[in-house]
Amino acid sequence: MILIDTSVWVNHLRKSEPRLQTLLLAGEVYCHPFIIGELACGSIKNRQEIISLLQSLPSTRTVNDNEFLYFIEQNKIYSKGIGYVDIHLLASTKLESIKLWTEDKRLKNVATTLGLSYIG
């Protein structure tokens, strides 16, 4: 199973990403509430349909504030140029024992260091 980052969804919504289509058809895709939130903040064609489809995907567990802070300290991922949502995605990926597919360079570097990066 793979958590698909906002960056991949944005690219897919602009121009279909065949690898993502394959994963979707195979039922291998997770989503996260923060990803839906980030996409909902933008301009999306077929907005309601896309948001509804994203909400129908299996969702990863979200972490609470204490788990979030613990994850940062435990993995020493402060000062890496990634933000709040990115770290939440990494923590959820770790909890679910899945991989994260992202096109964000800094997030991908941290995910790779933690052994959480999807390489497809």
C-alpha atoms as a PDB file:
ATOM      1  CA  MET A   1       0.000   0.000   0.000  1.00  0.00           C
ATOM      2  CA  ILE A   2       1.160   3.499  -0.809  1.00  0.00           C
ATOM      3  CA  LEU A   3       0.254   6.942   0.490  1.00  0.00           C
ATOM      4  CA  ILE A   4       0.120   9.374  -2.417  1.00  0.00           C
ATOM      5  CA  ASP A   5       1.362  12.882  -1.599  1.00  0.00           C
ATOM      6  CA  THR A   6      -0.365  16.048  -2.793  1.00  0.00           C
ATOM      7  CA  SER A   7       2.437  16.692  -5.305  1.00  0.00           C
ATOM      8  CA  VAL A   8       1.682  13.430  -7.114  1.00  0.00           C
ATOM      9  CA  TRP A   9      -2.073  14.077  -7.092  1.00  0.00           C
ATOM     10  CA  VAL A  10      -1.565  17.567  -8.545  1.00  0.00           C
ATOM     11  CA  ASN A  11       0.552  16.127 -11.366  1.00  0.00           C
ATOM     12  CA  HIS A  12      -1.996  13.351 -11.949  1.00  0.00           C
ATOM     13  CA  LEU A  13      -4.903  15.793 -12.113  1.00  0.00           C
ATOM     14  CA  ARG A  14      -3.021  17.864 -14.712  1.00  0.00           C
ATOM     15  CA  LYS A  15      -1.873  14.925 -16.821  1.00  0.00           C
ATOM     16  CA  SER A  16      -2.803  11.344 -16.083  1.00  0.00           C
ATOM     17  CA  GLU A  17      -0.046   9.387 -14.307  1.00  0.00           C
ATOM     18  CA  PRO A  18      -0.192   5.757 -15.554  1.00  0.00           C
ATOM     19  CA  ARG A  19       1.607   4.328 -12.498  1.00  0.00           C
ATOM     20  CA  LEU A  20      -0.934   5.967 -10.196  1.00  0.00           C
ATOM     21  CA  GLN A  21      -3.814   4.651 -12.312  1.00  0.00           C
ATOM     22  CA  THR A  22      -2.385   1.143 -12.004  1.00  0.00           C
ATOM     23  CA  LEU A  23      -2.080   1.461  -8.219  1.00  0.00           C
ATOM     24  CA  LEU A  24      -5.625   2.839  -7.938  1.00  0.00           C
ATOM     25  CA  LEU A  25      -7.078  -0.018  -9.988  1.00  0.00           C
ATOM     26  CA  ALA A  26      -5.151  -2.520  -7.848  1.00  0.00           C
ATOM     27  CA  GLY A  27      -6.537  -0.989  -4.637  1.00  0.00           C
ATOM     28  CA  GLU A  28      -3.029  -0.094  -3.436  1.00  0.00           C
ATOM     29  CA  VAL A  29      -3.593   3.600  -2.656  1.00  0.00           C
ATOM     30  CA  TYR A  30      -4.094   5.233   0.722  1.00  0.00           C
ATOM     31  CA  CYS A  31      -5.108   8.832   1.288  1.00  0.00           C
ATOM     32  CA  HIS A  32      -4.717  11.171   4.274  1.00  0.00           C
ATOM     33  CA  PRO A  33      -7.164  13.864   5.446  1.00  0.00           C
ATOM     34  CA  PHE A  34      -4.458  16.544   5.149  1.00  0.00           C
ATOM     35  CA  ILE A  35      -3.880  15.653   1.488  1.00  0.00           C
ATOM     36  CA  ILE A  36      -7.584  16.031   0.771  1.00  0.00           C
ATOM     37  CA  GLY A  37      -7.476  19.344   2.633  1.00  0.00           C
ATOM     38  CA  GLU A  38      -4.510  20.608   0.640  1.00  0.00           C
ATOM     39  CA  LEU A  39      -6.135  19.645  -2.656  1.00  0.00           C
ATOM     40  CA  ALA A  40      -9.452  21.185  -1.596  1.00  0.00           C
ATOM     41  CA  CYS A  41      -7.644  24.513  -1.091  1.00  0.00           C
ATOM     42  CA  GLY A  42      -6.672  24.569  -4.765  1.00  0.00           C
ATOM     43  CA  SER A  43      -8.452  24.797  -8.066  1.00  0.00           C
ATOM     44  CA  ILE A  44      -9.644  21.369  -9.198  1.00  0.00           C
ATOM     45  CA  LYS A  45     -11.669  20.457 -12.285  1.00  0.00           C
ATOM     46  CA  ASN A  46     -14.662  18.302 -11.327  1.00  0.00           C
ATOM     47  CA  ARG A  47     -14.035  19.455  -7.773  1.00  0.00           C
ATOM     48  CA  GLN A  48     -16.820  17.644  -5.926  1.00  0.00           C
ATOM     49  CA  GLU A  49     -16.270  14.396  -7.813  1.00  0.00           C
ATOM     50  CA  ILE A  50     -12.503  14.390  -7.198  1.00  0.00           C
ATOM     51  CA  ILE A  51     -12.840  15.227  -3.502  1.00  0.00           C
ATOM     52  CA  SER A  52     -15.506  12.542  -3.120  1.00  0.00           C
ATOM     53  CA  LEU A  53     -13.287   9.962  -4.841  1.00  0.00           C
ATOM     54  CA  LEU A  54     -10.348  10.873  -2.603  1.00  0.00           C
ATOM     55  CA  GLN A  55     -12.563  10.535   0.469  1.00  0.00           C
ATOM     56  CA  SER A  56     -13.599   7.054  -0.667  1.00  0.00           C
ATOM     57  CA  LEU A  57      -9.998   5.794  -0.598  1.00  0.00           C
ATOM     58  CA  PRO A  58      -8.715   4.004   2.504  1.00  0.00           C
ATOM     59  CA  SER A  59      -7.389   6.604   4.930  1.00  0.00           C
ATOM     60  CA  THR A  60      -4.233   6.407   6.986  1.00  0.00           C
ATOM     61  CA  ARG A  61      -4.356   6.958  10.701  1.00  0.00           C
ATOM     62  CA  THR A  62      -3.565  10.507  11.777  1.00  0.00           C
ATOM     63  CA  VAL A  63      -1.238  11.200  14.687  1.00  0.00           C
ATOM     64  CA  ASN A  64      -2.020  13.401  17.660  1.00  0.00           C
ATOM     65  CA  ASP A  65       0.143  16.307  18.809  1.00  0.00           C
ATOM     66  CA  ASN A  66       2.225  14.233  21.225  1.00  0.00           C
ATOM     67  CA  GLU A  67       2.873  11.524  18.631  1.00  0.00           C
ATOM     68  CA  PHE A  68       3.783  14.212  16.098  1.00  0.00           C
ATOM     69  CA  LEU A  69       6.366  15.816  18.389  1.00  0.00           C
ATOM     70  CA  TYR A  70       7.740  12.426  19.441  1.00  0.00           C
ATOM     71  CA  PHE A  71       8.123  11.403  15.783  1.00  0.00           C
ATOM     72  CA  ILE A  72      10.118  14.555  15.012  1.00  0.00           C
ATOM     73  CA  GLU A  73      12.489  14.054  17.948  1.00  0.00           C
ATOM     74  CA  GLN A  74      12.825  10.292  17.613  1.00  0.00           C
ATOM     75  CA  ASN A  75      13.741  10.533  13.934  1.00  0.00           C
ATOM     76  CA  LYS A  76      15.677  13.813  14.177  1.00  0.00           C
ATOM     77  CA  ILE A  77      13.780  15.320  11.248  1.00  0.00           C
ATOM     78  CA  TYR A  78      13.751  18.900  12.478  1.00  0.00           C
ATOM     79  CA  SER A  79      15.517  21.539  10.348  1.00  0.00           C
ATOM     80  CA  LYS A  80      15.158  19.433   7.204  1.00  0.00           C
ATOM     81  CA  GLY A  81      13.086  21.931   5.222  1.00  0.00           C
ATOM     82  CA  ILE A  82       9.839  20.001   5.496  1.00  0.00           C
ATOM     83  CA  GLY A  83       6.707  21.220   7.201  1.00  0.00           C
ATOM     84  CA  TYR A  84       3.826  20.252   9.437  1.00  0.00           C
ATOM     85  CA  VAL A  85       1.782  18.383   6.836  1.00  0.00           C
ATOM     86  CA  ASP A  86       4.862  16.591   5.461  1.00  0.00           C
ATOM     87  CA  ILE A  87       5.809  15.293   8.894  1.00  0.00           C
ATOM     88  CA  HIS A  88       2.235  14.176   9.536  1.00  0.00           C
ATOM     89  CA  LEU A  89       2.341  12.195   6.289  1.00  0.00           C
ATOM     90  CA  LEU A  90       5.653  10.588   7.247  1.00  0.00           C
ATOM     91  CA  ALA A  91       4.353   9.656  10.702  1.00  0.00           C
ATOM     92  CA  SER A  92       1.176   8.144   9.248  1.00  0.00           C
ATOM     93  CA  THR A  93       3.208   6.237   6.669  1.00  0.00           C
ATOM     94  CA  LYS A  94       5.414   4.819   9.422  1.00  0.00           C
ATOM     95  CA  LEU A  95       2.403   3.849  11.564  1.00  0.00           C
ATOM     96  CA  GLU A  96       0.729   2.037   8.680  1.00  0.00           C
ATOM     97  CA  SER A  97       3.973   0.329   7.548  1.00  0.00           C
ATOM     98  CA  ILE A  98       3.453   1.640   4.019  1.00  0.00           C
ATOM     99  CA  LYS A  99       5.449   3.796   1.600  1.00  0.00           C
ATOM    100  CA  LEU A 100       5.050   7.442   0.601  1.00  0.00           C
ATOM    101  CA  TRP A 101       5.082   8.527  -3.030  1.00  0.00           C
ATOM    102  CA  THR A 102       6.027  12.182  -3.354  1.00  0.00           C
ATOM    103  CA  GLU A 103       7.537  14.441  -5.981  1.00  0.00           C
ATOM    104  CA  ASP A 104       8.624  16.973  -3.335  1.00  0.00           C
ATOM    105  CA  LYS A 105      12.433  16.756  -3.226  1.00  0.00           C
ATOM    106  CA  ARG A 106      12.936  17.561   0.450  1.00  0.00           C
ATOM    107  CA  LEU A 107      10.113  15.309   1.575  1.00  0.00           C
ATOM    108  CA  LYS A 108      11.407  12.518  -0.667  1.00  0.00           C
ATOM    109  CA  ASN A 109      14.906  12.865   0.832  1.00  0.00           C
ATOM    110  CA  VAL A 110      13.593  12.543   4.380  1.00  0.00           C
ATOM    111  CA  ALA A 111      11.266   9.678   3.415  1.00  0.00           C
ATOM    112  CA  THR A 112      14.184   7.867   1.777  1.00  0.00           C
ATOM    113  CA  THR A 113      16.369   8.347   4.859  1.00  0.00           C
ATOM    114  CA  LEU A 114      13.587   6.846   7.002  1.00  0.00           C
ATOM    115  CA  GLY A 115      13.040   3.948   4.585  1.00  0.00           C
ATOM    116  CA  LEU A 116       9.537   5.194   3.769  1.00  0.00           C
ATOM    117  CA  SER A 117       9.927   6.352   0.164  1.00  0.00           C
ATOM    118  CA  TYR A 118       8.038   4.626  -2.647  1.00  0.00           C
ATOM    119  CA  ILE A 119      10.241   3.971  -5.627  1.00  0.00           C
ATOM    120  CA  GLY A 120       8.077   2.967  -8.550  1.00  0.00           C
END
